[in-house]
Protein backbone atom coordinates (compact mmCIF):
# COMPACT_ATOMS: atom_id res chain seq x y z
CA MET A 1 40.87 24.97 35.24
CA ARG A 2 38.52 25.09 32.31
CA SER A 3 34.80 24.59 32.61
CA ASP A 4 32.56 23.49 29.76
CA THR A 5 29.55 25.22 31.37
CA ALA A 6 28.69 28.71 30.09
CA TYR A 7 28.70 31.42 32.65
CA ARG A 8 25.16 32.92 32.76
CA VAL A 9 24.98 36.74 33.01
CA PRO A 10 24.16 37.39 36.65
CA LEU A 11 22.00 40.36 36.11
CA ARG A 12 18.28 40.86 35.37
CA LEU A 13 17.35 44.10 33.51
CA GLU A 14 13.99 45.56 34.15
CA ARG A 15 12.70 48.73 32.71
CA ALA A 16 10.94 50.33 35.66
CA GLY A 17 8.69 52.87 33.82
CA GLY A 18 9.81 55.95 32.14
CA HIS A 19 13.53 56.24 31.71
CA LEU A 20 14.43 54.10 34.82
CA PHE A 21 16.20 50.90 34.32
CA ARG A 22 17.02 48.40 37.14
CA PHE A 23 19.92 45.85 37.24
CA THR A 24 19.53 43.12 39.85
CA ASN A 25 22.23 40.66 40.78
CA THR A 26 20.54 37.36 40.50
CA SER A 27 23.64 35.26 41.28
CA ASP A 28 24.97 34.08 44.58
CA GLU A 29 28.21 36.04 44.06
CA THR A 30 29.19 39.61 44.90
CA LEU A 31 29.80 41.45 41.73
CA ARG A 32 32.54 44.21 42.10
CA GLY A 33 33.25 47.25 39.86
CA VAL A 34 29.76 47.21 38.21
CA ALA A 35 29.93 50.01 35.74
CA LEU A 36 27.61 51.19 32.96
CA THR A 37 28.78 52.84 29.74
CA LEU A 38 26.16 54.30 27.14
CA HIS A 39 27.37 54.46 23.56
CA GLY A 40 25.45 56.31 20.80
CA SER A 41 22.67 58.86 21.29
CA GLY A 42 21.04 59.30 24.71
CA VAL A 43 21.93 60.59 28.06
CA MET A 44 22.75 58.77 31.23
CA GLY A 45 23.92 60.25 34.58
CA ALA A 46 27.43 59.39 35.58
CA ASN A 47 27.88 56.41 37.93
CA ALA A 48 30.68 55.29 40.12
CA PRO A 49 31.66 51.60 39.86
CA ALA A 50 29.38 49.78 42.45
CA ARG A 51 29.55 46.58 44.38
CA LEU A 52 26.27 44.44 44.06
CA GLN A 53 25.53 41.73 46.69
CA PRO A 54 23.25 38.97 45.67
CA GLY A 55 19.82 40.40 45.46
CA GLU A 56 20.93 44.04 45.28
CA THR A 57 19.83 46.41 42.61
CA LEU A 58 21.42 49.27 40.77
CA GLU A 59 19.06 51.84 39.21
CA VAL A 60 19.94 54.17 36.32
CA ASP A 61 18.11 56.83 34.35
CA ILE A 62 18.69 56.65 30.66
CA LYS A 63 17.00 59.16 28.24
CA GLY A 64 16.97 59.20 24.53
CA ARG A 65 14.69 59.75 21.57
CA SER A 66 15.58 56.42 19.76
CA LEU A 67 17.65 54.34 22.12
CA ALA A 68 16.62 51.10 20.40
CA ARG A 69 18.01 52.40 17.08
CA ASP A 70 20.82 54.64 18.22
CA ALA A 71 22.38 53.36 21.32
CA ILE A 72 23.79 50.36 23.33
CA LEU A 73 24.64 49.95 26.86
CA VAL A 74 27.66 48.08 28.06
CA VAL A 75 27.73 46.62 31.58
CA ARG A 76 31.06 45.76 33.18
CA TRP A 77 31.75 43.74 36.37
CA PHE A 78 34.26 41.55 38.09
CA ARG A 79 33.52 38.21 39.68
CA PRO A 80 35.09 37.34 43.07
CA ASP A 81 38.09 35.66 41.29
CA GLY A 82 38.94 39.00 39.42
CA THR A 83 37.64 37.85 36.08
CA GLU A 84 36.11 40.81 34.16
CA TYR A 85 33.00 40.47 32.11
CA LEU A 86 31.18 42.73 29.60
CA TRP A 87 27.54 42.52 28.61
CA ARG A 88 26.27 44.44 25.75
CA VAL A 89 22.56 45.50 26.25
CA SER A 90 20.38 46.56 23.27
CA PHE A 91 17.20 48.58 24.13
């Protein structure tokens, strides 16, 4: 069944000071397999795919000299029906 309504990214991104970034599930769905991949310059600790209940937050430490110029972050998750989504984040 096709819906004409766009699917809103269910995550809110906050820079929590320093190198800490917080991703909060703002939807009413449980997000499964939430994984982050950093491309370009910068360093991010390894993270196992997470499950985020509504309102839960995933924190990650990302360091880099010029993240805004030299890196992107890709966030991957699955909705309850198994549909995979990718969200490209620029710094």
